[in-house]
Amino acid sequence: MEMVMIGDKYLASGFRLIGVDTIEVTDDDAAAKKVEELVFEGKCKVVIITEKVALKLKALRAGLLKTRRLYPIFLIIPDFEGPLNERIKELHQLVSQAIGVKLKLSE
């Protein structure tokens, strides 16, 4: 699997229609466990997850950044409830850290 989407049956169905391998899970905790398994097995290069799952995996993703591993790349998408805006805050922090200056985030 080069790319996999892990999520509920509705999101998985949509991604399956466009040819992406999917793993259906019943809840966010099950999705987080499945992502951890895939990361440690090194089986895929791109993992598509929802923002809620990404929040549960924040420590794992931070750990991967510290080890400078290139893969997997996480594509974080909103679920059917809409965006949480946590990803914007996370990206703001990363850019501020990269350039060495705390940027002002206007809402």
PDB file of N, CA and C in Angstrom:
ATOM      1  N   MET A   1       0.832  -1.182   0.000  1.00  0.00           N
ATOM      2  CA  MET A   1       0.000   0.000   0.000  1.00  0.00           C
ATOM      3  C   MET A   1       0.878   1.246   0.000  1.00  0.00           C
ATOM      4  N   GLU A   2       0.785   1.998  -1.024  1.00  0.00           N
ATOM      5  CA  GLU A   2       1.499   3.271  -1.064  1.00  0.00           C
ATOM      6  C   GLU A   2       0.722   4.340  -0.303  1.00  0.00           C
ATOM      7  N   MET A   3      -0.603   4.330  -0.481  1.00  0.00           N
ATOM      8  CA  MET A   3      -1.469   5.324   0.145  1.00  0.00           C
ATOM      9  C   MET A   3      -2.674   4.598   0.725  1.00  0.00           C
ATOM     10  N   VAL A   4      -3.054   5.010   1.947  1.00  0.00           N
ATOM     11  CA  VAL A   4      -4.212   4.393   2.585  1.00  0.00           C
ATOM     12  C   VAL A   4      -5.009   5.458   3.327  1.00  0.00           C
ATOM     13  N   MET A   5      -6.319   5.305   3.287  1.00  0.00           N
ATOM     14  CA  MET A   5      -7.211   6.187   4.038  1.00  0.00           C
ATOM     15  C   MET A   5      -7.810   5.360   5.158  1.00  0.00           C
ATOM     16  N   ILE A   6      -7.724   5.861   6.369  1.00  0.00           N
ATOM     17  CA  ILE A   6      -8.279   5.161   7.519  1.00  0.00           C
ATOM     18  C   ILE A   6      -9.398   6.011   8.079  1.00  0.00           C
ATOM     19  N   GLY A   7     -10.603   5.445   8.108  1.00  0.00           N
ATOM     20  CA  GLY A   7     -11.732   6.210   8.603  1.00  0.00           C
ATOM     21  C   GLY A   7     -13.013   5.410   8.638  1.00  0.00           C
ATOM     22  N   ASP A   8     -14.122   6.099   8.917  1.00  0.00           N
ATOM     23  CA  ASP A   8     -15.406   5.420   8.992  1.00  0.00           C
ATOM     24  C   ASP A   8     -15.854   4.960   7.602  1.00  0.00           C
ATOM     25  N   LYS A   9     -16.933   4.188   7.569  1.00  0.00           N
ATOM     26  CA  LYS A   9     -17.342   3.579   6.304  1.00  0.00           C
ATOM     27  C   LYS A   9     -17.754   4.599   5.252  1.00  0.00           C
ATOM     28  N   TYR A  10     -18.240   5.751   5.661  1.00  0.00           N
ATOM     29  CA  TYR A  10     -18.679   6.760   4.697  1.00  0.00           C
ATOM     30  C   TYR A  10     -17.492   7.443   4.017  1.00  0.00           C
ATOM     31  N   LEU A  11     -16.528   7.865   4.810  1.00  0.00           N
ATOM     32  CA  LEU A  11     -15.330   8.467   4.226  1.00  0.00           C
ATOM     33  C   LEU A  11     -14.550   7.442   3.407  1.00  0.00           C
ATOM     34  N   ALA A  12     -14.448   6.233   3.951  1.00  0.00           N
ATOM     35  CA  ALA A  12     -13.712   5.184   3.246  1.00  0.00           C
ATOM     36  C   ALA A  12     -14.348   4.882   1.893  1.00  0.00           C
ATOM     37  N   SER A  13     -15.660   4.889   1.829  1.00  0.00           N
ATOM     38  CA  SER A  13     -16.347   4.612   0.562  1.00  0.00           C
ATOM     39  C   SER A  13     -15.975   5.644  -0.497  1.00  0.00           C
ATOM     40  N   GLY A  14     -15.958   6.899  -0.115  1.00  0.00           N
ATOM     41  CA  GLY A  14     -15.599   7.953  -1.052  1.00  0.00           C
ATOM     42  C   GLY A  14     -14.186   7.801  -1.581  1.00  0.00           C
ATOM     43  N   PHE A  15     -13.255   7.492  -0.714  1.00  0.00           N
ATOM     44  CA  PHE A  15     -11.870   7.333  -1.148  1.00  0.00           C
ATOM     45  C   PHE A  15     -11.686   6.063  -1.966  1.00  0.00           C
ATOM     46  N   ARG A  16     -12.410   5.025  -1.629  1.00  0.00           N
ATOM     47  CA  ARG A  16     -12.347   3.784  -2.397  1.00  0.00           C
ATOM     48  C   ARG A  16     -12.804   4.028  -3.843  1.00  0.00           C
ATOM     49  N   LEU A  17     -13.795   4.901  -4.025  1.00  0.00           N
ATOM     50  CA  LEU A  17     -14.300   5.223  -5.363  1.00  0.00           C
ATOM     51  C   LEU A  17     -13.246   5.873  -6.252  1.00  0.00           C
ATOM     52  N   ILE A  18     -12.302   6.568  -5.652  1.00  0.00           N
ATOM     53  CA  ILE A  18     -11.254   7.196  -6.460  1.00  0.00           C
ATOM     54  C   ILE A  18      -9.972   6.362  -6.500  1.00  0.00           C
ATOM     55  N   GLY A  19     -10.046   5.127  -6.005  1.00  0.00           N
ATOM     56  CA  GLY A  19      -8.933   4.197  -6.141  1.00  0.00           C
ATOM     57  C   GLY A  19      -7.940   4.150  -5.007  1.00  0.00           C
ATOM     58  N   VAL A  20      -8.273   4.752  -3.877  1.00  0.00           N
ATOM     59  CA  VAL A  20      -7.371   4.735  -2.724  1.00  0.00           C
ATOM     60  C   VAL A  20      -7.688   3.514  -1.864  1.00  0.00           C
ATOM     61  N   ASP A  21      -6.651   2.819  -1.413  1.00  0.00           N
ATOM     62  CA  ASP A  21      -6.854   1.722  -0.467  1.00  0.00           C
ATOM     63  C   ASP A  21      -7.422   2.294   0.822  1.00  0.00           C
ATOM     64  N   THR A  22      -8.371   1.593   1.422  1.00  0.00           N
ATOM     65  CA  THR A  22      -8.995   2.094   2.641  1.00  0.00           C
ATOM     66  C   THR A  22      -9.027   1.026   3.714  1.00  0.00           C
ATOM     67  N   ILE A  23      -9.062   1.488   4.943  1.00  0.00           N
ATOM     68  CA  ILE A  23      -9.274   0.624   6.098  1.00  0.00           C
ATOM     69  C   ILE A  23     -10.423   1.234   6.875  1.00  0.00           C
ATOM     70  N   GLU A  24     -11.513   0.496   6.969  1.00  0.00           N
ATOM     71  CA  GLU A  24     -12.681   0.989   7.693  1.00  0.00           C
ATOM     72  C   GLU A  24     -12.545   0.679   9.169  1.00  0.00           C
ATOM     73  N   VAL A  25     -12.832   1.685   9.983  1.00  0.00           N
ATOM     74  CA  VAL A  25     -12.817   1.526  11.430  1.00  0.00           C
ATOM     75  C   VAL A  25     -14.114   2.106  11.984  1.00  0.00           C
ATOM     76  N   THR A  26     -14.448   1.703  13.198  1.00  0.00           N
ATOM     77  CA  THR A  26     -15.726   2.128  13.771  1.00  0.00           C
ATOM     78  C   THR A  26     -15.643   3.431  14.555  1.00  0.00           C
ATOM     79  N   ASP A  27     -14.458   3.784  15.052  1.00  0.00           N
ATOM     80  CA  ASP A  27     -14.329   5.026  15.821  1.00  0.00           C
ATOM     81  C   ASP A  27     -12.914   5.577  15.728  1.00  0.00           C
ATOM     82  N   ASP A  28     -12.713   6.751  16.293  1.00  0.00           N
ATOM     83  CA  ASP A  28     -11.420   7.435  16.206  1.00  0.00           C
ATOM     84  C   ASP A  28     -10.313   6.684  16.940  1.00  0.00           C
ATOM     85  N   ASP A  29     -10.643   6.028  18.051  1.00  0.00           N
ATOM     86  CA  ASP A  29      -9.625   5.274  18.787  1.00  0.00           C
ATOM     87  C   ASP A  29      -9.118   4.097  17.968  1.00  0.00           C
ATOM     88  N   ALA A  30     -10.028   3.401  17.301  1.00  0.00           N
ATOM     89  CA  ALA A  30      -9.637   2.277  16.446  1.00  0.00           C
ATOM     90  C   ALA A  30      -8.782   2.767  15.278  1.00  0.00           C
ATOM     91  N   ALA A  31      -9.121   3.924  14.744  1.00  0.00           N
ATOM     92  CA  ALA A  31      -8.333   4.506  13.647  1.00  0.00           C
ATOM     93  C   ALA A  31      -6.926   4.837  14.119  1.00  0.00           C
ATOM     94  N   ALA A  32      -6.811   5.425  15.311  1.00  0.00           N
ATOM     95  CA  ALA A  32      -5.494   5.783  15.853  1.00  0.00           C
ATOM     96  C   ALA A  32      -4.633   4.538  16.038  1.00  0.00           C
ATOM     97  N   LYS A  33      -5.218   3.468  16.543  1.00  0.00           N
ATOM     98  CA  LYS A  33      -4.464   2.219  16.723  1.00  0.00           C
ATOM     99  C   LYS A  33      -4.000   1.660  15.387  1.00  0.00           C
ATOM    100  N   LYS A  34      -4.857   1.728  14.387  1.00  0.00           N
ATOM    101  CA  LYS A  34      -4.508   1.210  13.061  1.00  0.00           C
ATOM    102  C   LYS A  34      -3.379   2.031  12.448  1.00  0.00           C
ATOM    103  N   VAL A  35      -3.423   3.341  12.615  1.00  0.00           N
ATOM    104  CA  VAL A  35      -2.345   4.197  12.096  1.00  0.00           C
ATOM    105  C   VAL A  35      -1.032   3.839  12.774  1.00  0.00           C
ATOM    106  N   GLU A  36      -1.051   3.663  14.082  1.00  0.00           N
ATOM    107  CA  GLU A  36       0.173   3.292  14.803  1.00  0.00           C
ATOM    108  C   GLU A  36       0.747   1.991  14.263  1.00  0.00           C
ATOM    109  N   GLU A  37      -0.115   1.008  14.012  1.00  0.00           N
ATOM    110  CA  GLU A  37       0.347  -0.265  13.448  1.00  0.00           C
ATOM    111  C   GLU A  37       1.024  -0.048  12.098  1.00  0.00           C
ATOM    112  N   LEU A  38       0.395   0.719  11.235  1.00  0.00           N
ATOM    113  CA  LEU A  38       0.953   0.962   9.900  1.00  0.00           C
ATOM    114  C   LEU A  38       2.281   1.704   9.973  1.00  0.00           C
ATOM    115  N   VAL A  39       2.382   2.665  10.880  1.00  0.00           N
ATOM    116  CA  VAL A  39       3.623   3.438  11.020  1.00  0.00           C
ATOM    117  C   VAL A  39       4.759   2.532  11.463  1.00  0.00           C
ATOM    118  N   PHE A  40       4.512   1.712  12.458  1.00  0.00           N
ATOM    119  CA  PHE A  40       5.583   0.863  12.974  1.00  0.00           C
ATOM    120  C   PHE A  40       5.941  -0.265  12.015  1.00  0.00           C
ATOM    121  N   GLU A  41       4.991  -0.688  11.185  1.00  0.00           N
ATOM    122  CA  GLU A  41       5.281  -1.704  10.182  1.00  0.00           C
ATOM    123  C   GLU A  41       5.951  -1.100   8.955  1.00  0.00           C
ATOM    124  N   GLY A  42       5.825   0.211   8.781  1.00  0.00           N
ATOM    125  CA  GLY A  42       6.420   0.878   7.630  1.00  0.00           C
ATOM    126  C   GLY A  42       5.798   0.473   6.309  1.00  0.00           C
ATOM    127  N   LYS A  43       4.503   0.177   6.321  1.00  0.00           N
ATOM    128  CA  LYS A  43       3.842  -0.378   5.139  1.00  0.00           C
ATOM    129  C   LYS A  43       3.362   0.650   4.128  1.00  0.00           C
ATOM    130  N   CYS A  44       3.216   1.902   4.502  1.00  0.00           N
ATOM    131  CA  CYS A  44       2.695   2.854   3.523  1.00  0.00           C
ATOM    132  C   CYS A  44       3.413   4.191   3.644  1.00  0.00           C
ATOM    133  N   LYS A  45       3.333   4.938   2.547  1.00  0.00           N
ATOM    134  CA  LYS A  45       4.022   6.223   2.492  1.00  0.00           C
ATOM    135  C   LYS A  45       3.096   7.395   2.778  1.00  0.00           C
ATOM    136  N   VAL A  46       1.814   7.242   2.490  1.00  0.00           N
ATOM    137  CA  VAL A  46       0.852   8.312   2.711  1.00  0.00           C
ATOM    138  C   VAL A  46      -0.330   7.747   3.489  1.00  0.00           C
ATOM    139  N   VAL A  47      -0.674   8.412   4.599  1.00  0.00           N
ATOM    140  CA  VAL A  47      -1.808   8.005   5.428  1.00  0.00           C
ATOM    141  C   VAL A  47      -2.791   9.170   5.476  1.00  0.00           C
ATOM    142  N   ILE A  48      -4.021   8.923   5.070  1.00  0.00           N
ATOM    143  CA  ILE A  48      -5.056   9.947   5.095  1.00  0.00           C
ATOM    144  C   ILE A  48      -5.924   9.698   6.322  1.00  0.00           C
ATOM    145  N   ILE A  49      -6.014  10.706   7.203  1.00  0.00           N
ATOM    146  CA  ILE A  49      -6.797  10.580   8.431  1.00  0.00           C
ATOM    147  C   ILE A  49      -7.586  11.862   8.661  1.00  0.00           C
ATOM    148  N   THR A  50      -8.566  11.777   9.545  1.00  0.00           N
ATOM    149  CA  THR A  50      -9.357  12.960   9.886  1.00  0.00           C
ATOM    150  C   THR A  50      -8.638  13.783  10.954  1.00  0.00           C
ATOM    151  N   GLU A  51      -9.085  15.011  11.129  1.00  0.00           N
ATOM    152  CA  GLU A  51      -8.488  15.889  12.135  1.00  0.00           C
ATOM    153  C   GLU A  51      -8.621  15.317  13.538  1.00  0.00           C
ATOM    154  N   LYS A  52      -9.742  14.681  13.830  1.00  0.00           N
ATOM    155  CA  LYS A  52      -9.933  14.112  15.171  1.00  0.00           C
ATOM    156  C   LYS A  52      -8.916  13.013  15.448  1.00  0.00           C
ATOM    157  N   VAL A  53      -8.657  12.173  14.468  1.00  0.00           N
ATOM    158  CA  VAL A  53      -7.662  11.118  14.629  1.00  0.00           C
ATOM    159  C   VAL A  53      -6.271  11.739  14.743  1.00  0.00           C
ATOM    160  N   ALA A  54      -6.009  12.776  13.963  1.00  0.00           N
ATOM    161  CA  ALA A  54      -4.707  13.454  14.017  1.00  0.00           C
ATOM    162  C   ALA A  54      -4.443  14.024  15.409  1.00  0.00           C
ATOM    163  N   LEU A  55      -5.476  14.541  16.063  1.00  0.00           N
ATOM    164  CA  LEU A  55      -5.305  15.061  17.421  1.00  0.00           C
ATOM    165  C   LEU A  55      -4.914  13.950  18.383  1.00  0.00           C
ATOM    166  N   LYS A  56      -5.508  12.781  18.212  1.00  0.00           N
ATOM    167  CA  LYS A  56      -5.170  11.648  19.083  1.00  0.00           C
ATOM    168  C   LYS A  56      -3.739  11.161  18.832  1.00  0.00           C
ATOM    169  N   LEU A  57      -3.237  11.401  17.628  1.00  0.00           N
ATOM    170  CA  LEU A  57      -1.904  10.933  17.246  1.00  0.00           C
ATOM    171  C   LEU A  57      -0.846  12.030  17.273  1.00  0.00           C
ATOM    172  N   LYS A  58      -1.141  13.113  17.936  1.00  0.00           N
ATOM    173  CA  LYS A  58      -0.226  14.262  17.944  1.00  0.00           C
ATOM    174  C   LYS A  58       1.163  13.877  18.456  1.00  0.00           C
ATOM    175  N   ALA A  59       1.231  13.102  19.509  1.00  0.00           N
ATOM    176  CA  ALA A  59       2.527  12.696  20.069  1.00  0.00           C
ATOM    177  C   ALA A  59       3.286  11.791  19.097  1.00  0.00           C
ATOM    178  N   LEU A  60       2.586  10.882  18.457  1.00  0.00           N
ATOM    179  CA  LEU A  60       3.223   9.992  17.484  1.00  0.00           C
ATOM    180  C   LEU A  60       3.775  10.787  16.309  1.00  0.00           C
ATOM    181  N   ARG A  61       2.999  11.714  15.790  1.00  0.00           N
ATOM    182  CA  ARG A  61       3.447  12.527  14.659  1.00  0.00           C
ATOM    183  C   ARG A  61       4.623  13.409  15.049  1.00  0.00           C
ATOM    184  N   ALA A  62       4.603  13.958  16.252  1.00  0.00           N
ATOM    185  CA  ALA A  62       5.730  14.779  16.729  1.00  0.00           C
ATOM    186  C   ALA A  62       6.991  13.925  16.864  1.00  0.00           C
ATOM    187  N   GLY A  63       6.831  12.722  17.343  1.00  0.00           N
ATOM    188  CA  GLY A  63       7.963  11.808  17.463  1.00  0.00           C
ATOM    189  C   GLY A  63       8.575  11.464  16.116  1.00  0.00           C
ATOM    190  N   LEU A  64       7.730  11.282  15.116  1.00  0.00           N
ATOM    191  CA  LEU A  64       8.233  10.999  13.773  1.00  0.00           C
ATOM    192  C   LEU A  64       8.996  12.185  13.202  1.00  0.00           C
ATOM    193  N   LEU A  65       8.510  13.397  13.485  1.00  0.00           N
ATOM    194  CA  LEU A  65       9.221  14.588  13.022  1.00  0.00           C
ATOM    195  C   LEU A  65      10.606  14.689  13.659  1.00  0.00           C
ATOM    196  N   LYS A  66      10.691  14.347  14.938  1.00  0.00           N
ATOM    197  CA  LYS A  66      11.978  14.440  15.637  1.00  0.00           C
ATOM    198  C   LYS A  66      12.993  13.442  15.093  1.00  0.00           C
ATOM    199  N   THR A  67      12.518  12.291  14.636  1.00  0.00           N
ATOM    200  CA  THR A  67      13.432  11.287  14.092  1.00  0.00           C
ATOM    201  C   THR A  67      13.771  11.555  12.635  1.00  0.00           C
ATOM    202  N   ARG A  68      13.131  12.588  12.067  1.00  0.00           N
ATOM    203  CA  ARG A  68      13.369  13.006  10.689  1.00  0.00           C
ATOM    204  C   ARG A  68      13.041  11.926   9.665  1.00  0.00           C
ATOM    205  N   ARG A  69      12.072  11.083  10.004  1.00  0.00           N
ATOM    206  CA  ARG A  69      11.602  10.087   9.034  1.00  0.00           C
ATOM    207  C   ARG A  69      10.790  10.791   7.958  1.00  0.00           C
ATOM    208  N   LEU A  70      11.005  10.404   6.732  1.00  0.00           N
ATOM    209  CA  LEU A  70      10.279  11.017   5.626  1.00  0.00           C
ATOM    210  C   LEU A  70       8.868  10.450   5.467  1.00  0.00           C
ATOM    211  N   TYR A  71       8.711   9.210   5.836  1.00  0.00           N
ATOM    212  CA  TYR A  71       7.416   8.547   5.645  1.00  0.00           C
ATOM    213  C   TYR A  71       6.930   7.943   6.944  1.00  0.00           C
ATOM    214  N   PRO A  72       5.657   7.884   7.152  1.00  0.00           N
ATOM    215  CA  PRO A  72       4.581   8.246   6.248  1.00  0.00           C
ATOM    216  C   PRO A  72       4.291   9.744   6.302  1.00  0.00           C
ATOM    217  N   ILE A  73       3.723  10.221   5.227  1.00  0.00           N
ATOM    218  CA  ILE A  73       3.223  11.583   5.165  1.00  0.00           C
ATOM    219  C   ILE A  73       1.748  11.516   5.568  1.00  0.00           C
ATOM    220  N   PHE A  74       1.346  12.386   6.469  1.00  0.00           N
ATOM    221  CA  PHE A  74      -0.045  12.396   6.916  1.00  0.00           C
ATOM    222  C   PHE A  74      -0.822  13.466   6.170  1.00  0.00           C
ATOM    223  N   LEU A  75      -1.890  13.065   5.508  1.00  0.00           N
ATOM    224  CA  LEU A  75      -2.828  14.003   4.909  1.00  0.00           C
ATOM    225  C   LEU A  75      -4.008  14.085   5.857  1.00  0.00           C
ATOM    226  N   ILE A  76      -4.228  15.254   6.397  1.00  0.00           N
ATOM    227  CA  ILE A  76      -5.251  15.421   7.426  1.00  0.00           C
ATOM    228  C   ILE A  76      -6.430  16.159   6.811  1.00  0.00           C
ATOM    229  N   ILE A  77      -7.584  15.509   6.893  1.00  0.00           N
ATOM    230  CA  ILE A  77      -8.791  16.055   6.273  1.00  0.00           C
ATOM    231  C   ILE A  77      -9.867  16.251   7.332  1.00  0.00           C
ATOM    232  N   PRO A  78     -10.795  17.165   7.097  1.00  0.00           N
ATOM    233  CA  PRO A  78     -11.932  17.286   8.023  1.00  0.00           C
ATOM    234  C   PRO A  78     -12.898  16.125   7.798  1.00  0.00           C
ATOM    235  N   ASP A  79     -13.676  15.817   8.815  1.00  0.00           N
ATOM    236  CA  ASP A  79     -14.712  14.802   8.638  1.00  0.00           C
ATOM    237  C   ASP A  79     -16.026  15.492   8.284  1.00  0.00           C
ATOM    238  N   PHE A  80     -17.113  14.782   8.361  1.00  0.00           N
ATOM    239  CA  PHE A  80     -18.400  15.339   7.957  1.00  0.00           C
ATOM    240  C   PHE A  80     -18.915  16.434   8.885  1.00  0.00           C
ATOM    241  N   GLU A  81     -18.336  16.565  10.057  1.00  0.00           N
ATOM    242  CA  GLU A  81     -18.737  17.623  10.989  1.00  0.00           C
ATOM    243  C   GLU A  81     -18.051  18.949  10.695  1.00  0.00           C
ATOM    244  N   GLY A  82     -17.115  18.953   9.765  1.00  0.00           N
ATOM    245  CA  GLY A  82     -16.427  20.175   9.385  1.00  0.00           C
ATOM    246  C   GLY A  82     -15.055  20.291  10.023  1.00  0.00           C
ATOM    247  N   PRO A  83     -14.289  21.304   9.627  1.00  0.00           N
ATOM    248  CA  PRO A  83     -12.930  21.477  10.151  1.00  0.00           C
ATOM    249  C   PRO A  83     -12.917  21.917  11.607  1.00  0.00           C
ATOM    250  N   LEU A  84     -11.874  21.463  12.316  1.00  0.00           N
ATOM    251  CA  LEU A  84     -11.700  21.826  13.727  1.00  0.00           C
ATOM    252  C   LEU A  84     -10.772  23.018  13.908  1.00  0.00           C
ATOM    253  N   ASN A  85     -10.060  23.403  12.876  1.00  0.00           N
ATOM    254  CA  ASN A  85      -9.082  24.494  12.895  1.00  0.00           C
ATOM    255  C   ASN A  85      -7.853  24.194  13.746  1.00  0.00           C
ATOM    256  N   GLU A  86      -7.731  22.990  14.252  1.00  0.00           N
ATOM    257  CA  GLU A  86      -6.527  22.616  14.999  1.00  0.00           C
ATOM    258  C   GLU A  86      -5.329  22.512  14.070  1.00  0.00           C
ATOM    259  N   ARG A  87      -5.568  22.089  12.843  1.00  0.00           N
ATOM    260  CA  ARG A  87      -4.479  21.938  11.886  1.00  0.00           C
ATOM    261  C   ARG A  87      -3.857  23.298  11.557  1.00  0.00           C
ATOM    262  N   ILE A  88      -4.673  24.323  11.474  1.00  0.00           N
ATOM    263  CA  ILE A  88      -4.158  25.670  11.206  1.00  0.00           C
ATOM    264  C   ILE A  88      -3.237  26.109  12.339  1.00  0.00           C
ATOM    265  N   LYS A  89      -3.654  25.858  13.577  1.00  0.00           N
ATOM    266  CA  LYS A  89      -2.819  26.227  14.727  1.00  0.00           C
ATOM    267  C   LYS A  89      -1.505  25.456  14.709  1.00  0.00           C
ATOM    268  N   GLU A  90      -1.586  24.182  14.350  1.00  0.00           N
ATOM    269  CA  GLU A  90      -0.390  23.346  14.298  1.00  0.00           C
ATOM    270  C   GLU A  90       0.573  23.836  13.211  1.00  0.00           C
ATOM    271  N   LEU A  91       0.046  24.156  12.035  1.00  0.00           N
ATOM    272  CA  LEU A  91       0.879  24.662  10.954  1.00  0.00           C
ATOM    273  C   LEU A  91       1.485  26.018  11.316  1.00  0.00           C
ATOM    274  N   HIS A  92       0.716  26.859  12.000  1.00  0.00           N
ATOM    275  CA  HIS A  92       1.213  28.161  12.457  1.00  0.00           C
ATOM    276  C   HIS A  92       2.418  27.972  13.373  1.00  0.00           C
ATOM    277  N   GLN A  93       2.292  27.023  14.292  1.00  0.00           N
ATOM    278  CA  GLN A  93       3.386  26.754  15.221  1.00  0.00           C
ATOM    279  C   GLN A  93       4.627  26.236  14.482  1.00  0.00           C
ATOM    280  N   LEU A  94       4.434  25.347  13.523  1.00  0.00           N
ATOM    281  CA  LEU A  94       5.565  24.791  12.780  1.00  0.00           C
ATOM    282  C   LEU A  94       6.275  25.857  11.947  1.00  0.00           C
ATOM    283  N   VAL A  95       5.512  26.713  11.285  1.00  0.00           N
ATOM    284  CA  VAL A  95       6.124  27.777  10.481  1.00  0.00           C
ATOM    285  C   VAL A  95       6.865  28.754  11.384  1.00  0.00           C
ATOM    286  N   SER A  96       6.258  29.135  12.499  1.00  0.00           N
ATOM    287  CA  SER A  96       6.925  30.035  13.450  1.00  0.00           C
ATOM    288  C   SER A  96       8.229  29.432  13.948  1.00  0.00           C
ATOM    289  N   GLN A  97       8.196  28.140  14.234  1.00  0.00           N
ATOM    290  CA  GLN A  97       9.386  27.451  14.714  1.00  0.00           C
ATOM    291  C   GLN A  97      10.453  27.388  13.621  1.00  0.00           C
ATOM    292  N   ALA A  98      10.041  27.154  12.394  1.00  0.00           N
ATOM    293  CA  ALA A  98      10.986  27.025  11.295  1.00  0.00           C
ATOM    294  C   ALA A  98      11.709  28.331  10.987  1.00  0.00           C
ATOM    295  N   ILE A  99      10.995  29.462  11.084  1.00  0.00           N
ATOM    296  CA  ILE A  99      11.638  30.732  10.745  1.00  0.00           C
ATOM    297  C   ILE A  99      12.220  31.436  11.969  1.00  0.00           C
ATOM    298  N   GLY A 100      11.898  30.938  13.157  1.00  0.00           N
ATOM    299  CA  GLY A 100      12.489  31.489  14.375  1.00  0.00           C
ATOM    300  C   GLY A 100      11.802  32.731  14.901  1.00  0.00           C
ATOM    301  N   VAL A 101      10.626  33.027  14.405  1.00  0.00           N
ATOM    302  CA  VAL A 101       9.878  34.193  14.844  1.00  0.00           C
ATOM    303  C   VAL A 101       8.425  33.777  15.055  1.00  0.00           C
ATOM    304  N   LYS A 102       7.846  34.183  16.175  1.00  0.00           N
ATOM    305  CA  LYS A 102       6.450  33.843  16.416  1.00  0.00           C
ATOM    306  C   LYS A 102       5.572  34.738  15.565  1.00  0.00           C
ATOM    307  N   LEU A 103       4.858  34.135  14.641  1.00  0.00           N
ATOM    308  CA  LEU A 103       3.971  34.864  13.742  1.00  0.00           C
ATOM    309  C   LEU A 103       2.650  35.122  14.425  1.00  0.00           C
ATOM    310  N   LYS A 104       2.009  36.195  14.023  1.00  0.00           N
ATOM    311  CA  LYS A 104       0.685  36.524  14.554  1.00  0.00           C
ATOM    312  C   LYS A 104      -0.352  35.814  13.694  1.00  0.00           C
ATOM    313  N   LEU A 105      -1.225  35.072  14.346  1.00  0.00           N
ATOM    314  CA  LEU A 105      -2.291  34.354  13.657  1.00  0.00           C
ATOM    315  C   LEU A 105      -3.565  35.144  13.805  1.00  0.00           C
ATOM    316  N   SER A 106      -4.056  35.697  12.711  1.00  0.00           N
ATOM    317  CA  SER A 106      -5.307  36.444  12.778  1.00  0.00           C
ATOM    318  C   SER A 106      -6.445  35.533  12.365  1.00  0.00           C
ATOM    319  N   GLU A 107      -7.570  35.695  13.027  1.00  0.00           N
ATOM    320  CA  GLU A 107      -8.715  34.827  12.766  1.00  0.00           C
ATOM    321  C   GLU A 107      -9.800  35.543  12.045  1.00  0.00           C
TER     322      GLU A 107
END
